[in-house]
């Protein structure tokens, strides 16, 4: 399975899981990829406290829990 097929398969699975809510994600042609600098890699591991503060303070954790926990 190539990358586009994998993306389409994933999108279909998400759409089925969250139906009838429409999924806004579009699958576009691949663009050049530029890796981030080394200090950005695994930020959630190397800066766990900062990441946790962001995750809870921004409401990201609550939103992810709301989306995923309610649809299992």
PDB file of N, CA and C in Angstrom:
ATOM      1  N   UNK A   1       0.858  -1.173   0.000  1.00  0.00           N
ATOM      2  CA  UNK A   1       0.000   0.000   0.000  1.00  0.00           C
ATOM      3  C   UNK A   1       0.904   1.236   0.000  1.00  0.00           C
ATOM      4  N   UNK A   2       0.660   2.143  -0.936  1.00  0.00           N
ATOM      5  CA  UNK A   2       1.486   3.361  -0.970  1.00  0.00           C
ATOM      6  C   UNK A   2       0.932   4.394   0.009  1.00  0.00           C
ATOM      7  N   UNK A   3       1.618   5.513   0.132  1.00  0.00           N
ATOM      8  CA  UNK A   3       1.271   6.528   1.122  1.00  0.00           C
ATOM      9  C   UNK A   3      -0.132   7.108   0.881  1.00  0.00           C
ATOM     10  N   UNK A   4      -0.477   7.358  -0.380  1.00  0.00           N
ATOM     11  CA  UNK A   4      -1.796   7.917  -0.673  1.00  0.00           C
ATOM     12  C   UNK A   4      -2.896   6.925  -0.313  1.00  0.00           C
ATOM     13  N   UNK A   5      -2.705   5.659  -0.666  1.00  0.00           N
ATOM     14  CA  UNK A   5      -3.702   4.640  -0.325  1.00  0.00           C
ATOM     15  C   UNK A   5      -3.854   4.509   1.192  1.00  0.00           C
ATOM     16  N   UNK A   6      -2.723   4.571   1.908  1.00  0.00           N
ATOM     17  CA  UNK A   6      -2.769   4.485   3.367  1.00  0.00           C
ATOM     18  C   UNK A   6      -3.539   5.667   3.949  1.00  0.00           C
ATOM     19  N   UNK A   7      -3.316   6.856   3.402  1.00  0.00           N
ATOM     20  CA  UNK A   7      -4.022   8.043   3.875  1.00  0.00           C
ATOM     21  C   UNK A   7      -5.521   7.927   3.594  1.00  0.00           C
ATOM     22  N   UNK A   8      -5.880   7.452   2.424  1.00  0.00           N
ATOM     23  CA  UNK A   8      -7.290   7.290   2.074  1.00  0.00           C
ATOM     24  C   UNK A   8      -7.965   6.252   2.971  1.00  0.00           C
ATOM     25  N   UNK A   9      -7.244   5.170   3.246  1.00  0.00           N
ATOM     26  CA  UNK A   9      -7.763   4.124   4.124  1.00  0.00           C
ATOM     27  C   UNK A   9      -7.979   4.679   5.545  1.00  0.00           C
ATOM     28  N   UNK A  10      -7.014   5.433   6.030  1.00  0.00           N
ATOM     29  CA  UNK A  10      -7.113   6.035   7.357  1.00  0.00           C
ATOM     30  C   UNK A  10      -8.267   7.028   7.430  1.00  0.00           C
ATOM     31  N   UNK A  11      -8.402   7.863   6.419  1.00  0.00           N
ATOM     32  CA  UNK A  11      -9.477   8.846   6.374  1.00  0.00           C
ATOM     33  C   UNK A  11     -10.840   8.157   6.360  1.00  0.00           C
ATOM     34  N   UNK A  12     -10.963   7.090   5.603  1.00  0.00           N
ATOM     35  CA  UNK A  12     -12.229   6.349   5.557  1.00  0.00           C
ATOM     36  C   UNK A  12     -12.560   5.753   6.922  1.00  0.00           C
ATOM     37  N   UNK A  13     -11.543   5.234   7.618  1.00  0.00           N
ATOM     38  CA  UNK A  13     -11.765   4.658   8.948  1.00  0.00           C
ATOM     39  C   UNK A  13     -12.206   5.728   9.942  1.00  0.00           C
ATOM     40  N   UNK A  14     -11.579   6.893   9.878  1.00  0.00           N
ATOM     41  CA  UNK A  14     -11.954   7.998  10.776  1.00  0.00           C
ATOM     42  C   UNK A  14     -13.355   8.475  10.451  1.00  0.00           C
ATOM     43  N   UNK A  15     -13.668   8.612   9.178  1.00  0.00           N
ATOM     44  CA  UNK A  15     -15.004   9.063   8.771  1.00  0.00           C
ATOM     45  C   UNK A  15     -16.069   8.097   9.269  1.00  0.00           C
ATOM     46  N   UNK A  16     -15.782   6.809   9.200  1.00  0.00           N
ATOM     47  CA  UNK A  16     -16.736   5.806   9.669  1.00  0.00           C
ATOM     48  C   UNK A  16     -16.908   5.908  11.185  1.00  0.00           C
ATOM     49  N   UNK A  17     -15.800   6.112  11.894  1.00  0.00           N
ATOM     50  CA  UNK A  17     -15.841   6.177  13.356  1.00  0.00           C
ATOM     51  C   UNK A  17     -16.627   7.393  13.843  1.00  0.00           C
ATOM     52  N   UNK A  18     -16.494   8.514  13.146  1.00  0.00           N
ATOM     53  CA  UNK A  18     -17.119   9.760  13.593  1.00  0.00           C
ATOM     54  C   UNK A  18     -18.384  10.122  12.813  1.00  0.00           C
ATOM     55  N   UNK A  19     -18.880   9.217  11.972  1.00  0.00           N
ATOM     56  CA  UNK A  19     -20.086   9.491  11.199  1.00  0.00           C
ATOM     57  C   UNK A  19     -21.218   9.858  12.144  1.00  0.00           C
ATOM     58  N   UNK A  20     -22.070  10.791  11.797  1.00  0.00           N
ATOM     59  CA  UNK A  20     -22.195  11.488  10.531  1.00  0.00           C
ATOM     60  C   UNK A  20     -21.410  12.799  10.469  1.00  0.00           C
ATOM     61  N   UNK A  21     -20.559  13.063  11.463  1.00  0.00           N
ATOM     62  CA  UNK A  21     -19.765  14.297  11.464  1.00  0.00           C
ATOM     63  C   UNK A  21     -18.823  14.305  10.270  1.00  0.00           C
ATOM     64  N   UNK A  22     -18.880  15.332   9.421  1.00  0.00           N
ATOM     65  CA  UNK A  22     -17.982  15.360   8.254  1.00  0.00           C
ATOM     66  C   UNK A  22     -16.526  15.570   8.681  1.00  0.00           C
ATOM     67  N   UNK A  23     -15.612  14.960   7.961  1.00  0.00           N
ATOM     68  CA  UNK A  23     -14.174  15.090   8.208  1.00  0.00           C
ATOM     69  C   UNK A  23     -13.643  16.139   7.242  1.00  0.00           C
ATOM     70  N   UNK A  24     -12.966  17.142   7.769  1.00  0.00           N
ATOM     71  CA  UNK A  24     -12.493  18.269   6.955  1.00  0.00           C
ATOM     72  C   UNK A  24     -11.116  18.026   6.345  1.00  0.00           C
ATOM     73  N   UNK A  25     -10.430  16.982   6.765  1.00  0.00           N
ATOM     74  CA  UNK A  25      -9.080  16.721   6.269  1.00  0.00           C
ATOM     75  C   UNK A  25      -9.104  16.386   4.780  1.00  0.00           C
ATOM     76  N   UNK A  26      -8.199  17.019   4.047  1.00  0.00           N
ATOM     77  CA  UNK A  26      -8.065  16.739   2.616  1.00  0.00           C
ATOM     78  C   UNK A  26      -6.772  15.972   2.381  1.00  0.00           C
ATOM     79  N   UNK A  27      -6.796  15.089   1.426  1.00  0.00           N
ATOM     80  CA  UNK A  27      -5.587  14.377   1.028  1.00  0.00           C
ATOM     81  C   UNK A  27      -5.058  15.082  -0.214  1.00  0.00           C
ATOM     82  N   UNK A  28      -3.901  15.697  -0.080  1.00  0.00           N
ATOM     83  CA  UNK A  28      -3.298  16.494  -1.141  1.00  0.00           C
ATOM     84  C   UNK A  28      -2.045  15.809  -1.673  1.00  0.00           C
ATOM     85  N   UNK A  29      -1.580  16.206  -2.846  1.00  0.00           N
ATOM     86  CA  UNK A  29      -0.333  15.640  -3.360  1.00  0.00           C
ATOM     87  C   UNK A  29       0.833  15.923  -2.397  1.00  0.00           C
ATOM     88  N   UNK A  30       1.750  14.996  -2.335  1.00  0.00           N
ATOM     89  CA  UNK A  30       2.904  15.138  -1.442  1.00  0.00           C
ATOM     90  C   UNK A  30       3.729  16.369  -1.814  1.00  0.00           C
ATOM     91  N   UNK A  31       4.277  17.009  -0.808  1.00  0.00           N
ATOM     92  CA  UNK A  31       5.141  18.180  -0.956  1.00  0.00           C
ATOM     93  C   UNK A  31       6.522  17.825  -0.402  1.00  0.00           C
ATOM     94  N   UNK A  32       7.531  18.616  -0.712  1.00  0.00           N
ATOM     95  CA  UNK A  32       8.852  18.338  -0.132  1.00  0.00           C
ATOM     96  C   UNK A  32       8.783  18.324   1.399  1.00  0.00           C
ATOM     97  N   UNK A  33       9.529  17.442   1.999  1.00  0.00           N
ATOM     98  CA  UNK A  33       9.554  17.316   3.457  1.00  0.00           C
ATOM     99  C   UNK A  33      10.895  17.805   3.974  1.00  0.00           C
ATOM    100  N   UNK A  34      10.845  18.634   4.996  1.00  0.00           N
ATOM    101  CA  UNK A  34      12.061  19.139   5.630  1.00  0.00           C
ATOM    102  C   UNK A  34      12.009  18.760   7.101  1.00  0.00           C
ATOM    103  N   UNK A  35      12.960  17.968   7.531  1.00  0.00           N
ATOM    104  CA  UNK A  35      13.001  17.547   8.929  1.00  0.00           C
ATOM    105  C   UNK A  35      13.318  18.747   9.819  1.00  0.00           C
ATOM    106  N   UNK A  36      12.707  18.768  10.980  1.00  0.00           N
ATOM    107  CA  UNK A  36      12.984  19.830  11.946  1.00  0.00           C
ATOM    108  C   UNK A  36      14.371  19.626  12.553  1.00  0.00           C
ATOM    109  N   UNK A  37      14.876  20.688  13.146  1.00  0.00           N
ATOM    110  CA  UNK A  37      16.174  20.605  13.804  1.00  0.00           C
ATOM    111  C   UNK A  37      16.115  19.546  14.904  1.00  0.00           C
ATOM    112  N   UNK A  38      17.280  19.018  15.255  1.00  0.00           N
ATOM    113  CA  UNK A  38      17.344  17.905  16.212  1.00  0.00           C
ATOM    114  C   UNK A  38      16.684  18.241  17.548  1.00  0.00           C
ATOM    115  N   UNK A  39      16.764  19.482  17.996  1.00  0.00           N
ATOM    116  CA  UNK A  39      16.215  19.825  19.308  1.00  0.00           C
ATOM    117  C   UNK A  39      14.692  19.851  19.322  1.00  0.00           C
ATOM    118  N   UNK A  40      14.074  19.772  18.148  1.00  0.00           N
ATOM    119  CA  UNK A  40      12.617  19.691  18.090  1.00  0.00           C
ATOM    120  C   UNK A  40      12.126  18.242  18.114  1.00  0.00           C
ATOM    121  N   UNK A  41      13.006  17.310  17.856  1.00  0.00           N
ATOM    122  CA  UNK A  41      12.618  15.903  17.774  1.00  0.00           C
ATOM    123  C   UNK A  41      12.224  15.378  19.151  1.00  0.00           C
ATOM    124  N   UNK A  42      11.137  14.633  19.217  1.00  0.00           N
ATOM    125  CA  UNK A  42      10.649  14.022  20.461  1.00  0.00           C
ATOM    126  C   UNK A  42      10.491  15.034  21.581  1.00  0.00           C
ATOM    127  N   UNK A  43      10.006  16.220  21.258  1.00  0.00           N
ATOM    128  CA  UNK A  43       9.854  17.300  22.239  1.00  0.00           C
ATOM    129  C   UNK A  43       9.055  16.838  23.456  1.00  0.00           C
ATOM    130  N   UNK A  44       8.007  16.062  23.213  1.00  0.00           N
ATOM    131  CA  UNK A  44       7.172  15.610  24.325  1.00  0.00           C
ATOM    132  C   UNK A  44       7.940  14.714  25.292  1.00  0.00           C
ATOM    133  N   UNK A  45       9.022  14.103  24.821  1.00  0.00           N
ATOM    134  CA  UNK A  45       9.857  13.272  25.698  1.00  0.00           C
ATOM    135  C   UNK A  45      10.951  14.111  26.363  1.00  0.00           C
ATOM    136  N   UNK A  46      11.594  14.953  25.587  1.00  0.00           N
ATOM    137  CA  UNK A  46      12.746  15.704  26.102  1.00  0.00           C
ATOM    138  C   UNK A  46      12.331  16.906  26.946  1.00  0.00           C
ATOM    139  N   UNK A  47      11.092  17.345  26.801  1.00  0.00           N
ATOM    140  CA  UNK A  47      10.564  18.479  27.574  1.00  0.00           C
ATOM    141  C   UNK A  47       9.190  18.095  28.125  1.00  0.00           C
ATOM    142  N   UNK A  48       9.135  16.963  28.798  1.00  0.00           N
ATOM    143  CA  UNK A  48       7.861  16.381  29.230  1.00  0.00           C
ATOM    144  C   UNK A  48       7.035  17.335  30.087  1.00  0.00           C
ATOM    145  N   UNK A  49       7.649  18.035  31.013  1.00  0.00           N
ATOM    146  CA  UNK A  49       6.894  18.942  31.883  1.00  0.00           C
ATOM    147  C   UNK A  49       6.301  20.088  31.068  1.00  0.00           C
ATOM    148  N   UNK A  50       7.110  20.686  30.199  1.00  0.00           N
ATOM    149  CA  UNK A  50       6.606  21.782  29.357  1.00  0.00           C
ATOM    150  C   UNK A  50       5.473  21.293  28.458  1.00  0.00           C
ATOM    151  N   UNK A  51       5.643  20.114  27.877  1.00  0.00           N
ATOM    152  CA  UNK A  51       4.615  19.590  26.988  1.00  0.00           C
ATOM    153  C   UNK A  51       3.328  19.308  27.751  1.00  0.00           C
ATOM    154  N   UNK A  52       3.437  18.720  28.938  1.00  0.00           N
ATOM    155  CA  UNK A  52       2.242  18.451  29.739  1.00  0.00           C
ATOM    156  C   UNK A  52       1.526  19.739  30.121  1.00  0.00           C
ATOM    157  N   UNK A  53       2.293  20.778  30.465  1.00  0.00           N
ATOM    158  CA  UNK A  53       1.677  22.067  30.798  1.00  0.00           C
ATOM    159  C   UNK A  53       0.921  22.616  29.587  1.00  0.00           C
ATOM    160  N   UNK A  54       1.523  22.524  28.420  1.00  0.00           N
ATOM    161  CA  UNK A  54       0.861  22.965  27.188  1.00  0.00           C
ATOM    162  C   UNK A  54      -0.399  22.134  26.936  1.00  0.00           C
ATOM    163  N   UNK A  55      -0.247  20.813  27.038  1.00  0.00           N
ATOM    164  CA  UNK A  55      -1.335  19.901  26.703  1.00  0.00           C
ATOM    165  C   UNK A  55      -2.564  20.165  27.573  1.00  0.00           C
ATOM    166  N   UNK A  56      -2.356  20.335  28.861  1.00  0.00           N
ATOM    167  CA  UNK A  56      -3.487  20.580  29.764  1.00  0.00           C
ATOM    168  C   UNK A  56      -3.960  22.027  29.689  1.00  0.00           C
ATOM    169  N   UNK A  57      -3.029  22.970  29.659  1.00  0.00           N
ATOM    170  CA  UNK A  57      -3.376  24.388  29.663  1.00  0.00           C
ATOM    171  C   UNK A  57      -4.107  24.843  28.417  1.00  0.00           C
ATOM    172  N   UNK A  58      -3.787  24.227  27.273  1.00  0.00           N
ATOM    173  CA  UNK A  58      -4.424  24.630  26.018  1.00  0.00           C
ATOM    174  C   UNK A  58      -5.784  23.979  25.816  1.00  0.00           C
ATOM    175  N   UNK A  59      -6.095  22.987  26.637  1.00  0.00           N
ATOM    176  CA  UNK A  59      -7.346  22.252  26.467  1.00  0.00           C
ATOM    177  C   UNK A  59      -7.221  21.093  25.495  1.00  0.00           C
ATOM    178  N   UNK A  60      -6.014  20.869  24.989  1.00  0.00           N
ATOM    179  CA  UNK A  60      -5.795  19.799  24.013  1.00  0.00           C
ATOM    180  C   UNK A  60      -6.157  18.426  24.593  1.00  0.00           C
ATOM    181  N   UNK A  61      -5.720  18.150  25.804  1.00  0.00           N
ATOM    182  CA  UNK A  61      -5.995  16.840  26.405  1.00  0.00           C
ATOM    183  C   UNK A  61      -7.494  16.627  26.557  1.00  0.00           C
ATOM    184  N   UNK A  62      -8.193  17.631  27.081  1.00  0.00           N
ATOM    185  CA  UNK A  62      -9.639  17.499  27.270  1.00  0.00           C
ATOM    186  C   UNK A  62     -10.339  17.272  25.936  1.00  0.00           C
ATOM    187  N   UNK A  63      -9.914  17.988  24.909  1.00  0.00           N
ATOM    188  CA  UNK A  63     -10.551  17.842  23.598  1.00  0.00           C
ATOM    189  C   UNK A  63     -10.288  16.467  22.999  1.00  0.00           C
ATOM    190  N   UNK A  64      -9.058  15.988  23.108  1.00  0.00           N
ATOM    191  CA  UNK A  64      -8.747  14.657  22.595  1.00  0.00           C
ATOM    192  C   UNK A  64      -9.529  13.586  23.356  1.00  0.00           C
ATOM    193  N   UNK A  65      -9.611  13.739  24.679  1.00  0.00           N
ATOM    194  CA  UNK A  65     -10.398  12.786  25.470  1.00  0.00           C
ATOM    195  C   UNK A  65     -11.856  12.816  25.038  1.00  0.00           C
ATOM    196  N   UNK A  66     -12.381  14.011  24.814  1.00  0.00           N
ATOM    197  CA  UNK A  66     -13.771  14.161  24.382  1.00  0.00           C
ATOM    198  C   UNK A  66     -13.998  13.472  23.037  1.00  0.00           C
ATOM    199  N   UNK A  67     -13.081  13.672  22.107  1.00  0.00           N
ATOM    200  CA  UNK A  67     -13.236  13.098  20.773  1.00  0.00           C
ATOM    201  C   UNK A  67     -13.058  11.586  20.764  1.00  0.00           C
ATOM    202  N   UNK A  68     -12.006  11.101  21.377  1.00  0.00           N
ATOM    203  CA  UNK A  68     -11.653   9.699  21.250  1.00  0.00           C
ATOM    204  C   UNK A  68     -12.318   8.802  22.282  1.00  0.00           C
ATOM    205  N   UNK A  69     -12.408   9.230  23.520  1.00  0.00           N
ATOM    206  CA  UNK A  69     -12.972   8.360  24.548  1.00  0.00           C
ATOM    207  C   UNK A  69     -14.464   8.118  24.342  1.00  0.00           C
ATOM    208  N   UNK A  70     -15.150   9.091  23.798  1.00  0.00           N
ATOM    209  CA  UNK A  70     -16.582   8.934  23.585  1.00  0.00           C
ATOM    210  C   UNK A  70     -16.941   8.130  22.356  1.00  0.00           C
ATOM    211  N   UNK A  71     -15.970   7.779  21.515  1.00  0.00           N
ATOM    212  CA  UNK A  71     -16.261   7.101  20.253  1.00  0.00           C
ATOM    213  C   UNK A  71     -15.736   5.676  20.195  1.00  0.00           C
ATOM    214  N   UNK A  72     -15.260   5.141  21.306  1.00  0.00           N
ATOM    215  CA  UNK A  72     -14.677   3.776  21.283  1.00  0.00           C
ATOM    216  C   UNK A  72     -15.739   2.737  21.139  1.00  0.00           C
TER     217      UNK A  72
END
